[in-house]
Amino acid sequence: MTMHPNAFAGMLAYGMTDMLMSAGRVVAETRQARIQYAWATALASARGDAHQMSQIAVAAIDRVGELEEEVARLRRTLRQRTDALEAVAR
């Protein structure tokens, strides 16, 4: 039994997309674990030193600001993509 070339191409594209998404999830999880470990290590080493703790707090606040900017950018990009897809569908 042979498979239609378009069906095979679709299955291949699905498999590759699934593989890339899985790899992206693994990278994100690994990155998140590494970031959490770095913050935990910094906090543990600063325990008892108020100045160092305040520096870590400032760095954390700066990082939150960066992440909020990234979320806003991603939302804007997603909104533009959705608008473009809706325009094509019309």
Protein backbone atom coordinates (compact mmCIF):
# COMPACT_ATOMS: atom_id res chain seq x y z
CA MET A 1 0.00 0.00 0.00
CA THR A 2 1.44 3.33 -1.02
CA MET A 3 0.86 6.66 0.58
CA HIS A 4 -0.09 9.76 -1.36
CA PRO A 5 2.89 12.17 -1.50
CA ASN A 6 0.87 15.02 0.02
CA ALA A 7 -0.22 12.81 2.92
CA PHE A 8 3.38 11.78 3.52
CA ALA A 9 4.54 15.41 3.38
CA GLY A 10 1.83 16.39 5.85
CA MET A 11 2.81 13.64 8.27
CA LEU A 12 6.47 14.57 7.92
CA ALA A 13 5.73 18.25 8.57
CA TYR A 14 3.60 17.34 11.60
CA GLY A 15 6.37 15.13 12.99
CA MET A 16 9.03 17.78 12.50
CA THR A 17 6.84 20.47 14.06
CA ASP A 18 6.09 18.25 17.05
CA MET A 19 9.79 17.49 17.45
CA LEU A 20 10.71 21.19 17.34
CA MET A 21 8.00 22.07 19.87
CA SER A 22 9.21 19.33 22.21
CA ALA A 23 12.80 20.53 21.89
CA GLY A 24 11.67 24.09 22.62
CA ARG A 25 9.87 22.94 25.76
CA VAL A 26 12.96 21.09 26.98
CA VAL A 27 15.16 24.13 26.36
CA ALA A 28 12.70 26.40 28.18
CA GLU A 29 12.45 24.03 31.15
CA THR A 30 16.24 23.68 31.35
CA ARG A 31 16.68 27.44 31.11
CA GLN A 32 14.06 28.02 33.81
CA ALA A 33 15.72 25.51 36.14
CA ARG A 34 19.11 27.14 35.58
CA ILE A 35 17.67 30.60 36.33
CA GLN A 36 15.97 29.37 39.50
CA TYR A 37 19.20 27.74 40.66
CA ALA A 38 21.14 30.95 40.04
CA TRP A 39 18.66 33.03 42.08
CA ALA A 40 18.61 30.45 44.89
CA THR A 41 22.41 30.37 44.98
CA ALA A 42 22.63 34.18 45.04
CA LEU A 43 20.11 34.40 47.87
CA ALA A 44 21.82 31.66 49.86
CA SER A 45 25.22 33.34 49.55
CA ALA A 46 23.77 36.72 50.56
CA ARG A 47 22.01 35.44 53.66
CA GLY A 48 22.85 37.77 56.55
CA ASP A 49 24.27 40.56 54.34
CA ALA A 50 21.63 43.27 53.94
CA HIS A 51 23.53 45.19 51.25
CA GLN A 52 23.99 42.12 49.08
CA MET A 53 20.33 41.13 49.61
CA SER A 54 19.23 44.59 48.47
CA GLN A 55 21.37 44.27 45.34
CA ILE A 56 19.72 40.94 44.57
CA ALA A 57 16.28 42.48 45.13
CA VAL A 58 17.09 45.32 42.71
CA ALA A 59 18.33 42.80 40.12
CA ALA A 60 15.12 40.79 40.55
CA ILE A 61 12.98 43.91 40.07
CA ASP A 62 14.95 44.80 36.93
CA ARG A 63 14.44 41.27 35.61
CA VAL A 64 10.69 41.47 36.24
CA GLY A 65 10.62 44.71 34.24
CA GLU A 66 12.46 43.02 31.36
CA LEU A 67 10.05 40.09 31.44
CA GLU A 68 7.03 42.42 31.44
CA GLU A 69 8.44 44.16 28.34
CA GLU A 70 8.97 40.78 26.66
CA VAL A 71 5.41 39.70 27.46
CA ALA A 72 4.06 42.96 26.02
CA ARG A 73 6.13 42.43 22.85
CA LEU A 74 4.93 38.84 22.49
CA ARG A 75 1.30 39.88 23.00
CA ARG A 76 1.69 42.59 20.37
CA THR A 77 3.22 40.08 17.94
CA LEU A 78 0.47 37.56 18.63
CA ARG A 79 -2.20 40.21 18.11
CA GLN A 80 -0.61 41.22 14.78
CA ARG A 81 -0.44 37.58 13.71
CA THR A 82 -4.08 37.02 14.66
CA ASP A 83 -5.14 40.15 12.78
CA ALA A 84 -3.19 39.03 9.70
CA LEU A 85 -4.76 35.55 9.80
CA GLU A 86 -8.23 37.06 10.14
CA ALA A 87 -7.54 39.35 7.18
CA VAL A 88 -6.46 36.38 5.05
CA ALA A 89 -9.55 34.41 6.08
CA ARG A 90 -11.89 37.17 4.85
